[in-house]
């Protein structure tokens, strides 16, 4: 076995280590992508938008586009000496006439409930309850936000800490996967793992985003037999979740495309390498030596096999003279 072949032969345990690192990376990377998406949707802008929409849907009896309540608010604003109005008695949230003058009924509702969503996001239910003057209302608001209390800055910062830990673990496992891979597999292996880790999330959240987006949000809360807890949850989900699901779907699709891109680059580089090296045969020795270069004063090595030469024909005197006829044996003298 040549020295070059020995140098390029990997230990067998490298293959096992590559598979172990790849499987662990796929699991950790899946968690990392999920936490990253949760960090994205708990950021201030998407979280406050979701909180505003959820509150507006929950407290608008005839839907977000109903003009009856907004027309009443505009009438009271015009009748107010200072051009201000407190829609909820006992809650220190004030609407001014100039703030909603050019807004549609939906936009006016979202503007009002945004003033409640921002303190809820910044300080949680306690800061939201601090807007109430009545102690009973304050206690009810502190305990009645439900799942909306998860969309806060504190949740966002906690998820950022988890994301940093998972990111470090993913980088370490990716480095091990690259280390135990070989040649173009150092690009293809991480790309394949990234594709596998992002595929379930991309399929799930894209399906949910398109499903809820195509059905459309209800224009009014459910009534009659559909007015139960299930109907109300579906009504809120159809109005709040589509923007958040689109963010998650986009992130997963970008990660999946990045994985496919790494695999495609690896195959492209390998194909180019094959095109540039396909004329260099290894089964036939080069006439210029092992490395393709002839040393000084050295004759070229013939690629033809060597055969043993024929025995020389002895001429006179037993010397091997080519072309000499053999001498006939002489008889006994005398």
C-alpha atoms as a PDB file:
ATOM      1  CA  UNK A   1       0.000   0.000   0.000  1.00  0.00           C
ATOM      2  CA  UNK A   2       1.428   3.403  -0.979  1.00  0.00           C
ATOM      3  CA  UNK A   3       2.087   6.237   1.426  1.00  0.00           C
ATOM      4  CA  UNK A   4      -0.515   8.475  -0.269  1.00  0.00           C
ATOM      5  CA  UNK A   5      -3.230   5.874   0.098  1.00  0.00           C
ATOM      6  CA  UNK A   6      -2.393   5.381   3.751  1.00  0.00           C
ATOM      7  CA  UNK A   7      -2.535   9.143   4.391  1.00  0.00           C
ATOM      8  CA  UNK A   8      -6.047   9.441   2.878  1.00  0.00           C
ATOM      9  CA  UNK A   9      -7.528   6.432   4.659  1.00  0.00           C
ATOM     10  CA  UNK A  10      -9.799   7.555   7.516  1.00  0.00           C
ATOM     11  CA  UNK A  11     -10.189   5.575  10.724  1.00  0.00           C
ATOM     12  CA  UNK A  12     -13.368   3.559  10.709  1.00  0.00           C
ATOM     13  CA  UNK A  13     -14.644   5.173  13.906  1.00  0.00           C
ATOM     14  CA  UNK A  14     -14.805   8.545  12.133  1.00  0.00           C
ATOM     15  CA  UNK A  15     -17.888   7.285  10.288  1.00  0.00           C
ATOM     16  CA  UNK A  16     -19.629   6.329  13.535  1.00  0.00           C
ATOM     17  CA  UNK A  17     -18.660   9.639  15.131  1.00  0.00           C
ATOM     18  CA  UNK A  18     -20.034  11.534  12.121  1.00  0.00           C
ATOM     19  CA  UNK A  19     -23.418   9.804  12.379  1.00  0.00           C
ATOM     20  CA  UNK A  20     -23.616  10.382  16.143  1.00  0.00           C
ATOM     21  CA  UNK A  21     -22.732  14.065  15.755  1.00  0.00           C
ATOM     22  CA  UNK A  22     -25.230  14.406  12.885  1.00  0.00           C
ATOM     23  CA  UNK A  23     -28.127  12.867  14.812  1.00  0.00           C
ATOM     24  CA  UNK A  24     -27.422  14.949  17.903  1.00  0.00           C
ATOM     25  CA  UNK A  25     -27.100  18.072  15.765  1.00  0.00           C
ATOM     26  CA  UNK A  26     -30.430  17.386  14.040  1.00  0.00           C
ATOM     27  CA  UNK A  27     -32.190  17.177  17.421  1.00  0.00           C
ATOM     28  CA  UNK A  28     -30.470  20.209  18.967  1.00  0.00           C
ATOM     29  CA  UNK A  29     -30.822  22.235  15.782  1.00  0.00           C
ATOM     30  CA  UNK A  30     -34.556  21.498  15.684  1.00  0.00           C
ATOM     31  CA  UNK A  31     -34.900  22.891  19.211  1.00  0.00           C
ATOM     32  CA  UNK A  32     -32.725  25.866  18.278  1.00  0.00           C
ATOM     33  CA  UNK A  33     -34.929  26.737  15.303  1.00  0.00           C
ATOM     34  CA  UNK A  34     -38.071  26.453  17.419  1.00  0.00           C
ATOM     35  CA  UNK A  35     -36.697  28.690  20.176  1.00  0.00           C
ATOM     36  CA  UNK A  36     -35.407  31.150  17.569  1.00  0.00           C
ATOM     37  CA  UNK A  37     -38.914  31.459  16.133  1.00  0.00           C
ATOM     38  CA  UNK A  38     -40.364  31.967  19.603  1.00  0.00           C
ATOM     39  CA  UNK A  39     -37.828  34.735  20.166  1.00  0.00           C
ATOM     40  CA  UNK A  40     -38.932  36.327  16.899  1.00  0.00           C
ATOM     41  CA  UNK A  41     -42.660  36.327  17.700  1.00  0.00           C
ATOM     42  CA  UNK A  42     -42.124  37.548  21.282  1.00  0.00           C
ATOM     43  CA  UNK A  43     -40.209  40.606  20.077  1.00  0.00           C
ATOM     44  CA  UNK A  44     -41.921  43.899  20.870  1.00  0.00           C
ATOM     45  CA  UNK A  45     -43.574  44.724  17.551  1.00  0.00           C
ATOM     46  CA  UNK A  46     -45.155  41.340  16.664  1.00  0.00           C
ATOM     47  CA  UNK A  47     -46.049  40.661  20.297  1.00  0.00           C
ATOM     48  CA  UNK A  48     -47.732  44.050  20.847  1.00  0.00           C
ATOM     49  CA  UNK A  49     -49.592  43.693  17.544  1.00  0.00           C
ATOM     50  CA  UNK A  50     -50.840  40.256  18.589  1.00  0.00           C
ATOM     51  CA  UNK A  51     -51.878  41.485  22.046  1.00  0.00           C
ATOM     52  CA  UNK A  52     -53.715  44.479  20.571  1.00  0.00           C
ATOM     53  CA  UNK A  53     -55.575  42.295  18.094  1.00  0.00           C
ATOM     54  CA  UNK A  54     -56.513  39.723  20.745  1.00  0.00           C
ATOM     55  CA  UNK A  55     -57.891  42.366  23.125  1.00  0.00           C
ATOM     56  CA  UNK A  56     -59.758  44.142  20.341  1.00  0.00           C
ATOM     57  CA  UNK A  57     -61.356  40.893  19.196  1.00  0.00           C
ATOM     58  CA  UNK A  58     -62.290  39.884  22.741  1.00  0.00           C
ATOM     59  CA  UNK A  59     -63.915  43.204  23.676  1.00  0.00           C
ATOM     60  CA  UNK A  60     -65.583  44.144  20.390  1.00  0.00           C
ATOM     61  CA  UNK A  61     -69.093  42.773  20.554  1.00  0.00           C
ATOM     62  CA  UNK A  62     -69.857  43.257  16.869  1.00  0.00           C
ATOM     63  CA  UNK A  63     -66.402  42.732  15.422  1.00  0.00           C
ATOM     64  CA  UNK A  64     -63.525  45.017  14.576  1.00  0.00           C
ATOM     65  CA  UNK A  65     -65.185  46.631  11.583  1.00  0.00           C
ATOM     66  CA  UNK A  66     -68.397  47.667  13.323  1.00  0.00           C
ATOM     67  CA  UNK A  67     -68.917  51.440  13.123  1.00  0.00           C
ATOM     68  CA  UNK A  68     -71.586  51.763  15.805  1.00  0.00           C
ATOM     69  CA  UNK A  69     -69.314  51.935  18.847  1.00  0.00           C
ATOM     70  CA  UNK A  70     -66.676  54.016  17.054  1.00  0.00           C
ATOM     71  CA  UNK A  71     -69.335  56.519  15.932  1.00  0.00           C
ATOM     72  CA  UNK A  72     -70.474  56.832  19.549  1.00  0.00           C
ATOM     73  CA  UNK A  73     -66.891  57.438  20.680  1.00  0.00           C
ATOM     74  CA  UNK A  74     -66.418  60.131  18.016  1.00  0.00           C
ATOM     75  CA  UNK A  75     -69.644  61.830  19.118  1.00  0.00           C
ATOM     76  CA  UNK A  76     -68.510  61.921  22.753  1.00  0.00           C
ATOM     77  CA  UNK A  77     -65.114  63.260  21.711  1.00  0.00           C
ATOM     78  CA  UNK A  78     -66.751  66.127  19.849  1.00  0.00           C
ATOM     79  CA  UNK A  79     -68.922  66.863  22.858  1.00  0.00           C
ATOM     80  CA  UNK A  80     -65.981  66.816  25.258  1.00  0.00           C
ATOM     81  CA  UNK A  81     -64.514  70.238  26.055  1.00  0.00           C
ATOM     82  CA  UNK A  82     -60.944  69.018  25.887  1.00  0.00           C
ATOM     83  CA  UNK A  83     -61.476  66.628  22.993  1.00  0.00           C
ATOM     84  CA  UNK A  84     -60.658  63.587  25.154  1.00  0.00           C
ATOM     85  CA  UNK A  85     -62.669  60.553  26.241  1.00  0.00           C
ATOM     86  CA  UNK A  86     -62.084  57.687  28.677  1.00  0.00           C
ATOM     87  CA  UNK A  87     -63.724  54.636  27.061  1.00  0.00           C
ATOM     88  CA  UNK A  88     -63.466  52.375  30.114  1.00  0.00           C
ATOM     89  CA  UNK A  89     -64.405  54.057  33.398  1.00  0.00           C
ATOM     90  CA  UNK A  90     -61.844  53.450  36.127  1.00  0.00           C
ATOM     91  CA  UNK A  91     -59.051  52.705  33.635  1.00  0.00           C
ATOM     92  CA  UNK A  92     -56.531  55.470  32.986  1.00  0.00           C
ATOM     93  CA  UNK A  93     -56.562  55.157  29.182  1.00  0.00           C
ATOM     94  CA  UNK A  94     -57.615  58.262  27.282  1.00  0.00           C
ATOM     95  CA  UNK A  95     -58.470  58.676  23.605  1.00  0.00           C
ATOM     96  CA  UNK A  96     -58.070  62.059  21.895  1.00  0.00           C
ATOM     97  CA  UNK A  97     -60.104  63.161  18.912  1.00  0.00           C
ATOM     98  CA  UNK A  98     -57.095  63.886  16.709  1.00  0.00           C
ATOM     99  CA  UNK A  99     -55.671  60.412  17.326  1.00  0.00           C
ATOM    100  CA  UNK A 100     -58.555  58.577  15.638  1.00  0.00           C
ATOM    101  CA  UNK A 101     -59.779  61.270  13.259  1.00  0.00           C
ATOM    102  CA  UNK A 102     -58.617  59.546  10.063  1.00  0.00           C
ATOM    103  CA  UNK A 103     -58.706  55.938  11.254  1.00  0.00           C
ATOM    104  CA  UNK A 104     -61.104  53.197  10.209  1.00  0.00           C
ATOM    105  CA  UNK A 105     -63.131  51.416  12.903  1.00  0.00           C
ATOM    106  CA  UNK A 106     -60.635  48.534  12.941  1.00  0.00           C
ATOM    107  CA  UNK A 107     -57.639  50.848  13.165  1.00  0.00           C
ATOM    108  CA  UNK A 108     -59.296  52.927  15.892  1.00  0.00           C
ATOM    109  CA  UNK A 109     -59.932  49.838  18.010  1.00  0.00           C
ATOM    110  CA  UNK A 110     -56.367  48.581  17.528  1.00  0.00           C
ATOM    111  CA  UNK A 111     -55.031  52.013  18.482  1.00  0.00           C
ATOM    112  CA  UNK A 112     -56.997  52.040  21.736  1.00  0.00           C
ATOM    113  CA  UNK A 113     -56.129  48.504  22.803  1.00  0.00           C
ATOM    114  CA  UNK A 114     -52.498  49.083  21.897  1.00  0.00           C
ATOM    115  CA  UNK A 115     -52.349  51.420  24.875  1.00  0.00           C
ATOM    116  CA  UNK A 116     -53.218  48.392  27.007  1.00  0.00           C
ATOM    117  CA  UNK A 117     -50.966  45.956  25.128  1.00  0.00           C
ATOM    118  CA  UNK A 118     -47.785  48.014  25.497  1.00  0.00           C
ATOM    119  CA  UNK A 119     -47.746  48.064  29.348  1.00  0.00           C
ATOM    120  CA  UNK A 120     -48.735  44.394  29.381  1.00  0.00           C
ATOM    121  CA  UNK A 121     -45.731  43.573  27.208  1.00  0.00           C
ATOM    122  CA  UNK A 122     -43.297  45.773  29.141  1.00  0.00           C
ATOM    123  CA  UNK A 123     -44.163  44.756  32.697  1.00  0.00           C
ATOM    124  CA  UNK A 124     -46.605  41.880  32.533  1.00  0.00           C
ATOM    125  CA  UNK A 125     -50.071  41.756  34.109  1.00  0.00           C
ATOM    126  CA  UNK A 126     -48.905  43.808  37.107  1.00  0.00           C
ATOM    127  CA  UNK A 127     -48.090  46.875  35.009  1.00  0.00           C
ATOM    128  CA  UNK A 128     -51.354  46.519  33.120  1.00  0.00           C
ATOM    129  CA  UNK A 129     -53.299  46.312  36.377  1.00  0.00           C
ATOM    130  CA  UNK A 130     -51.563  49.472  37.601  1.00  0.00           C
ATOM    131  CA  UNK A 131     -53.670  51.459  35.089  1.00  0.00           C
ATOM    132  CA  UNK A 132     -56.847  50.677  37.044  1.00  0.00           C
ATOM    133  CA  UNK A 133     -58.044  52.985  39.826  1.00  0.00           C
ATOM    134  CA  UNK A 134     -60.393  50.470  41.432  1.00  0.00           C
ATOM    135  CA  UNK A 135     -58.631  47.774  43.547  1.00  0.00           C
ATOM    136  CA  UNK A 136     -61.168  45.133  42.505  1.00  0.00           C
ATOM    137  CA  UNK A 137     -60.586  45.919  38.818  1.00  0.00           C
ATOM    138  CA  UNK A 138     -56.831  45.921  39.423  1.00  0.00           C
ATOM    139  CA  UNK A 139     -56.948  42.443  40.917  1.00  0.00           C
ATOM    140  CA  UNK A 140     -59.220  41.168  38.158  1.00  0.00           C
ATOM    141  CA  UNK A 141     -56.901  42.511  35.446  1.00  0.00           C
ATOM    142  CA  UNK A 142     -53.808  41.030  37.104  1.00  0.00           C
ATOM    143  CA  UNK A 143     -55.364  37.577  37.160  1.00  0.00           C
ATOM    144  CA  UNK A 144     -57.448  37.621  33.989  1.00  0.00           C
ATOM    145  CA  UNK A 145     -54.967  37.998  31.148  1.00  0.00           C
ATOM    146  CA  UNK A 146     -54.556  34.229  30.684  1.00  0.00           C
ATOM    147  CA  UNK A 147     -52.232  33.111  27.874  1.00  0.00           C
ATOM    148  CA  UNK A 148     -51.666  36.727  26.849  1.00  0.00           C
ATOM    149  CA  UNK A 149     -49.305  37.015  29.797  1.00  0.00           C
ATOM    150  CA  UNK A 150     -46.784  34.900  27.872  1.00  0.00           C
ATOM    151  CA  UNK A 151     -46.240  37.610  25.257  1.00  0.00           C
ATOM    152  CA  UNK A 152     -44.074  39.802  27.457  1.00  0.00           C
ATOM    153  CA  UNK A 153     -40.565  41.219  27.406  1.00  0.00           C
ATOM    154  CA  UNK A 154     -39.600  38.933  30.280  1.00  0.00           C
ATOM    155  CA  UNK A 155     -40.566  35.895  28.206  1.00  0.00           C
ATOM    156  CA  UNK A 156     -38.594  37.290  25.286  1.00  0.00           C
ATOM    157  CA  UNK A 157     -35.446  37.736  27.385  1.00  0.00           C
ATOM    158  CA  UNK A 158     -35.774  34.262  28.905  1.00  0.00           C
ATOM    159  CA  UNK A 159     -36.053  32.718  25.460  1.00  0.00           C
ATOM    160  CA  UNK A 160     -32.980  34.669  24.342  1.00  0.00           C
ATOM    161  CA  UNK A 161     -30.950  33.038  27.123  1.00  0.00           C
ATOM    162  CA  UNK A 162     -32.153  29.579  26.073  1.00  0.00           C
ATOM    163  CA  UNK A 163     -31.353  30.399  22.459  1.00  0.00           C
ATOM    164  CA  UNK A 164     -27.765  31.353  23.321  1.00  0.00           C
ATOM    165  CA  UNK A 165     -27.223  28.019  25.082  1.00  0.00           C
ATOM    166  CA  UNK A 166     -28.721  26.017  22.219  1.00  0.00           C
ATOM    167  CA  UNK A 167     -26.769  28.061  19.679  1.00  0.00           C
ATOM    168  CA  UNK A 168     -23.457  27.223  21.371  1.00  0.00           C
ATOM    169  CA  UNK A 169     -24.400  23.534  21.507  1.00  0.00           C
ATOM    170  CA  UNK A 170     -25.344  23.594  17.811  1.00  0.00           C
ATOM    171  CA  UNK A 171     -22.046  25.229  16.833  1.00  0.00           C
ATOM    172  CA  UNK A 172     -20.043  22.634  18.779  1.00  0.00           C
ATOM    173  CA  UNK A 173     -21.930  19.711  17.235  1.00  0.00           C
ATOM    174  CA  UNK A 174     -21.667  21.252  13.759  1.00  0.00           C
ATOM    175  CA  UNK A 175     -17.884  21.615  14.208  1.00  0.00           C
ATOM    176  CA  UNK A 176     -17.638  17.937  15.201  1.00  0.00           C
ATOM    177  CA  UNK A 177     -19.737  16.937  12.200  1.00  0.00           C
ATOM    178  CA  UNK A 178     -17.453  18.883   9.862  1.00  0.00           C
ATOM    179  CA  UNK A 179     -14.363  17.446  11.560  1.00  0.00           C
ATOM    180  CA  UNK A 180     -15.467  13.842  11.111  1.00  0.00           C
ATOM    181  CA  UNK A 181     -16.732  14.375   7.570  1.00  0.00           C
ATOM    182  CA  UNK A 182     -14.528  13.992   4.501  1.00  0.00           C
ATOM    183  CA  UNK A 183     -13.883  16.245   1.552  1.00  0.00           C
ATOM    184  CA  UNK A 184     -17.125  17.658   0.158  1.00  0.00           C
ATOM    185  CA  UNK A 185     -19.120  16.007   2.930  1.00  0.00           C
ATOM    186  CA  UNK A 186     -17.947  18.851   5.134  1.00  0.00           C
ATOM    187  CA  UNK A 187     -20.415  21.017   3.240  1.00  0.00           C
ATOM    188  CA  UNK A 188     -23.057  18.420   2.406  1.00  0.00           C
ATOM    189  CA  UNK A 189     -23.385  16.908   5.894  1.00  0.00           C
ATOM    190  CA  UNK A 190     -24.260  20.158   7.737  1.00  0.00           C
ATOM    191  CA  UNK A 191     -26.570  21.126   4.874  1.00  0.00           C
ATOM    192  CA  UNK A 192     -28.378  17.797   5.044  1.00  0.00           C
ATOM    193  CA  UNK A 193     -28.792  18.066   8.817  1.00  0.00           C
ATOM    194  CA  UNK A 194     -30.105  21.635   8.527  1.00  0.00           C
ATOM    195  CA  UNK A 195     -32.602  20.548   5.884  1.00  0.00           C
ATOM    196  CA  UNK A 196     -33.834  17.615   7.992  1.00  0.00           C
ATOM    197  CA  UNK A 197     -34.100  19.757  11.139  1.00  0.00           C
ATOM    198  CA  UNK A 198     -36.110  22.509   9.425  1.00  0.00           C
ATOM    199  CA  UNK A 199     -38.361  20.354   7.236  1.00  0.00           C
ATOM    200  CA  UNK A 200     -41.023  19.423   9.874  1.00  0.00           C
ATOM    201  CA  UNK A 201     -41.397  23.017  11.085  1.00  0.00           C
ATOM    202  CA  UNK A 202     -41.531  24.383   7.553  1.00  0.00           C
ATOM    203  CA  UNK A 203     -44.253  21.926   6.564  1.00  0.00           C
ATOM    204  CA  UNK A 204     -46.313  22.390   9.759  1.00  0.00           C
ATOM    205  CA  UNK A 205     -46.262  26.176  10.070  1.00  0.00           C
ATOM    206  CA  UNK A 206     -46.654  26.777   6.345  1.00  0.00           C
ATOM    207  CA  UNK A 207     -49.718  24.534   6.356  1.00  0.00           C
ATOM    208  CA  UNK A 208     -51.197  26.287   9.416  1.00  0.00           C
ATOM    209  CA  UNK A 209     -50.435  29.763   8.062  1.00  0.00           C
ATOM    210  CA  UNK A 210     -52.068  29.015   4.718  1.00  0.00           C
ATOM    211  CA  UNK A 211     -54.987  27.212   6.333  1.00  0.00           C
ATOM    212  CA  UNK A 212     -55.874  30.001   8.754  1.00  0.00           C
ATOM    213  CA  UNK A 213     -55.047  32.679   6.201  1.00  0.00           C
ATOM    214  CA  UNK A 214     -57.249  31.197   3.490  1.00  0.00           C
ATOM    215  CA  UNK A 215     -60.217  30.720   5.827  1.00  0.00           C
ATOM    216  CA  UNK A 216     -60.066  34.382   6.834  1.00  0.00           C
ATOM    217  CA  UNK A 217     -60.836  35.926  10.182  1.00  0.00           C
ATOM    218  CA  UNK A 218     -64.445  36.148  11.242  1.00  0.00           C
ATOM    219  CA  UNK A 219     -65.884  39.656  11.033  1.00  0.00           C
ATOM    220  CA  UNK A 220     -67.896  39.186  14.255  1.00  0.00           C
ATOM    221  CA  UNK A 221     -67.696  36.952  17.344  1.00  0.00           C
ATOM    222  CA  UNK A 222     -69.522  33.623  17.127  1.00  0.00           C
ATOM    223  CA  UNK A 223     -73.146  33.573  18.244  1.00  0.00           C
ATOM    224  CA  UNK A 224     -75.705  30.937  19.062  1.00  0.00           C
ATOM    225  CA  UNK A 225     -74.370  27.369  19.298  1.00  0.00           C
ATOM    226  CA  UNK A 226     -70.919  28.503  18.173  1.00  0.00           C
ATOM    227  CA  UNK A 227     -70.561  31.001  21.012  1.00  0.00           C
ATOM    228  CA  UNK A 228     -68.967  28.517  23.410  1.00  0.00           C
ATOM    229  CA  UNK A 229     -65.369  28.316  24.537  1.00  0.00           C
ATOM    230  CA  UNK A 230     -64.293  26.365  21.445  1.00  0.00           C
ATOM    231  CA  UNK A 231     -65.894  28.847  19.071  1.00  0.00           C
ATOM    232  CA  UNK A 232     -64.326  31.807  20.859  1.00  0.00           C
ATOM    233  CA  UNK A 233     -60.865  30.208  20.811  1.00  0.00           C
ATOM    234  CA  UNK A 234     -61.212  29.548  17.091  1.00  0.00           C
ATOM    235  CA  UNK A 235     -62.356  33.129  16.525  1.00  0.00           C
ATOM    236  CA  UNK A 236     -59.360  34.562  18.381  1.00  0.00           C
ATOM    237  CA  UNK A 237     -56.920  32.132  16.769  1.00  0.00           C
ATOM    238  CA  UNK A 238     -58.086  33.026  13.257  1.00  0.00           C
ATOM    239  CA  UNK A 239     -57.541  36.709  13.981  1.00  0.00           C
ATOM    240  CA  UNK A 240     -54.286  36.597  15.978  1.00  0.00           C
ATOM    241  CA  UNK A 241     -52.210  33.627  14.821  1.00  0.00           C
ATOM    242  CA  UNK A 242     -51.790  34.092  11.021  1.00  0.00           C
ATOM    243  CA  UNK A 243     -49.165  36.901  11.256  1.00  0.00           C
ATOM    244  CA  UNK A 244     -47.180  34.943  13.850  1.00  0.00           C
ATOM    245  CA  UNK A 245     -47.406  31.737  11.834  1.00  0.00           C
ATOM    246  CA  UNK A 246     -46.183  33.526   8.733  1.00  0.00           C
ATOM    247  CA  UNK A 247     -43.088  34.695  10.607  1.00  0.00           C
ATOM    248  CA  UNK A 248     -42.319  31.156  11.758  1.00  0.00           C
ATOM    249  CA  UNK A 249     -43.029  29.654   8.354  1.00  0.00           C
ATOM    250  CA  UNK A 250     -40.705  32.142   6.661  1.00  0.00           C
ATOM    251  CA  UNK A 251     -37.858  31.423   9.084  1.00  0.00           C
ATOM    252  CA  UNK A 252     -38.183  27.665   8.655  1.00  0.00           C
ATOM    253  CA  UNK A 253     -38.293  27.977   4.870  1.00  0.00           C
ATOM    254  CA  UNK A 254     -35.145  30.126   4.884  1.00  0.00           C
ATOM    255  CA  UNK A 255     -33.334  27.548   7.020  1.00  0.00           C
ATOM    256  CA  UNK A 256     -34.466  24.719   4.746  1.00  0.00           C
ATOM    257  CA  UNK A 257     -33.333  26.627   1.647  1.00  0.00           C
ATOM    258  CA  UNK A 258     -29.948  27.266   3.286  1.00  0.00           C
ATOM    259  CA  UNK A 259     -29.537  23.539   3.937  1.00  0.00           C
ATOM    260  CA  UNK A 260     -30.426  22.699   0.345  1.00  0.00           C
ATOM    261  CA  UNK A 261     -28.013  25.376  -0.831  1.00  0.00           C
ATOM    262  CA  UNK A 262     -25.117  23.845   1.103  1.00  0.00           C
ATOM    263  CA  UNK A 263     -25.867  20.405  -0.339  1.00  0.00           C
ATOM    264  CA  UNK A 264     -26.125  21.837  -3.868  1.00  0.00           C
ATOM    265  CA  UNK A 265     -22.807  23.693  -3.488  1.00  0.00           C
ATOM    266  CA  UNK A 266     -21.130  20.504  -2.268  1.00  0.00           C
ATOM    267  CA  UNK A 267     -22.389  18.527  -5.277  1.00  0.00           C
ATOM    268  CA  UNK A 268     -21.401  21.325  -7.659  1.00  0.00           C
ATOM    269  CA  UNK A 269     -17.866  21.549  -6.265  1.00  0.00           C
ATOM    270  CA  UNK A 270     -17.541  17.767  -6.390  1.00  0.00           C
ATOM    271  CA  UNK A 271     -18.704  17.735 -10.020  1.00  0.00           C
ATOM    272  CA  UNK A 272     -16.193  20.428 -10.972  1.00  0.00           C
ATOM    273  CA  UNK A 273     -13.464  18.509  -9.173  1.00  0.00           C
ATOM    274  CA  UNK A 274     -14.417  15.360 -11.076  1.00  0.00           C
ATOM    275  CA  UNK A 275     -14.293  17.207 -14.394  1.00  0.00           C
ATOM    276  CA  UNK A 276     -10.825  18.564 -13.683  1.00  0.00           C
ATOM    277  CA  UNK A 277      -9.418  15.232 -12.439  1.00  0.00           C
ATOM    278  CA  UNK A 278     -11.124  12.651 -14.639  1.00  0.00           C
ATOM    279  CA  UNK A 279      -8.192  12.540 -17.128  1.00  0.00           C
ATOM    280  CA  UNK A 280      -5.696  11.582 -14.472  1.00  0.00           C
ATOM    281  CA  UNK A 281      -5.762   7.795 -14.372  1.00  0.00           C
ATOM    282  CA  UNK A 282      -4.436   5.989 -11.359  1.00  0.00           C
ATOM    283  CA  UNK A 283      -4.216   2.429 -12.711  1.00  0.00           C
ATOM    284  CA  UNK A 284      -1.464   3.189 -15.241  1.00  0.00           C
ATOM    285  CA  UNK A 285       1.902   4.438 -14.030  1.00  0.00           C
ATOM    286  CA  UNK A 286       2.988   7.789 -15.361  1.00  0.00           C
ATOM    287  CA  UNK A 287       6.054   7.843 -17.582  1.00  0.00           C
ATOM    288  CA  UNK A 288       7.201  10.851 -15.573  1.00  0.00           C
ATOM    289  CA  UNK A 289       7.426   9.066 -12.268  1.00  0.00           C
ATOM    290  CA  UNK A 290       5.080   8.802  -9.309  1.00  0.00           C
ATOM    291  CA  UNK A 291       4.406  12.532  -9.045  1.00  0.00           C
ATOM    292  CA  UNK A 292       4.396  13.252 -12.755  1.00  0.00           C
ATOM    293  CA  UNK A 293       7.946  14.667 -12.865  1.00  0.00           C
ATOM    294  CA  UNK A 294      11.129  13.015 -14.088  1.00  0.00           C
ATOM    295  CA  UNK A 295      14.287  13.447 -12.066  1.00  0.00           C
ATOM    296  CA  UNK A 296      17.471  14.725 -13.588  1.00  0.00           C
ATOM    297  CA  UNK A 297      19.413  12.134 -15.522  1.00  0.00           C
ATOM    298  CA  UNK A 298      16.698   9.507 -15.133  1.00  0.00           C
ATOM    299  CA  UNK A 299      15.323   7.711 -18.138  1.00  0.00           C
ATOM    300  CA  UNK A 300      11.583   7.484 -18.575  1.00  0.00           C
ATOM    301  CA  UNK A 301       9.967   4.438 -17.035  1.00  0.00           C
ATOM    302  CA  UNK A 302       8.424   2.273 -19.716  1.00  0.00           C
ATOM    303  CA  UNK A 303       4.826   1.357 -19.125  1.00  0.00           C
ATOM    304  CA  UNK A 304       5.306  -2.013 -20.888  1.00  0.00           C
ATOM    305  CA  UNK A 305       6.033  -5.133 -18.837  1.00  0.00           C
ATOM    306  CA  UNK A 306       9.506  -6.553 -18.873  1.00  0.00           C
ATOM    307  CA  UNK A 307      10.181 -10.081 -20.139  1.00  0.00           C
ATOM    308  CA  UNK A 308      13.312 -12.138 -19.531  1.00  0.00           C
ATOM    309  CA  UNK A 309      15.757 -11.961 -22.439  1.00  0.00           C
ATOM    310  CA  UNK A 310      16.611 -15.074 -24.503  1.00  0.00           C
ATOM    311  CA  UNK A 311      19.789 -16.908 -23.569  1.00  0.00           C
ATOM    312  CA  UNK A 312      22.744 -15.811 -25.691  1.00  0.00           C
ATOM    313  CA  UNK A 313      23.935 -17.989 -28.513  1.00  0.00           C
ATOM    314  CA  UNK A 314      27.451 -18.998 -27.791  1.00  0.00           C
ATOM    315  CA  UNK A 315      29.879 -18.452 -30.575  1.00  0.00           C
ATOM    316  CA  UNK A 316      33.467 -19.477 -30.883  1.00  0.00           C
ATOM    317  CA  UNK A 317      35.334 -19.614 -27.647  1.00  0.00           C
ATOM    318  CA  UNK A 318      32.109 -19.761 -25.691  1.00  0.00           C
ATOM    319  CA  UNK A 319      31.639 -16.011 -25.915  1.00  0.00           C
ATOM    320  CA  UNK A 320      28.199 -14.732 -26.432  1.00  0.00           C
ATOM    321  CA  UNK A 321      28.723 -13.085 -29.767  1.00  0.00           C
ATOM    322  CA  UNK A 322      25.513 -12.298 -31.527  1.00  0.00           C
ATOM    323  CA  UNK A 323      25.191 -13.918 -34.947  1.00  0.00           C
ATOM    324  CA  UNK A 324      28.128 -16.348 -34.533  1.00  0.00           C
ATOM    325  CA  UNK A 325      27.583 -19.903 -35.776  1.00  0.00           C
ATOM    326  CA  UNK A 326      28.235 -22.685 -33.302  1.00  0.00           C
ATOM    327  CA  UNK A 327      31.389 -24.680 -33.845  1.00  0.00           C
ATOM    328  CA  UNK A 328      30.944 -28.336 -34.613  1.00  0.00           C
ATOM    329  CA  UNK A 329      32.532 -30.633 -32.074  1.00  0.00           C
ATOM    330  CA  UNK A 330      35.798 -32.131 -33.259  1.00  0.00           C
ATOM    331  CA  UNK A 331      36.551 -35.792 -33.141  1.00  0.00           C
ATOM    332  CA  UNK A 332      39.238 -37.381 -31.096  1.00  0.00           C
ATOM    333  CA  UNK A 333      42.720 -36.644 -32.232  1.00  0.00           C
ATOM    334  CA  UNK A 334      44.984 -39.049 -33.462  1.00  0.00           C
END
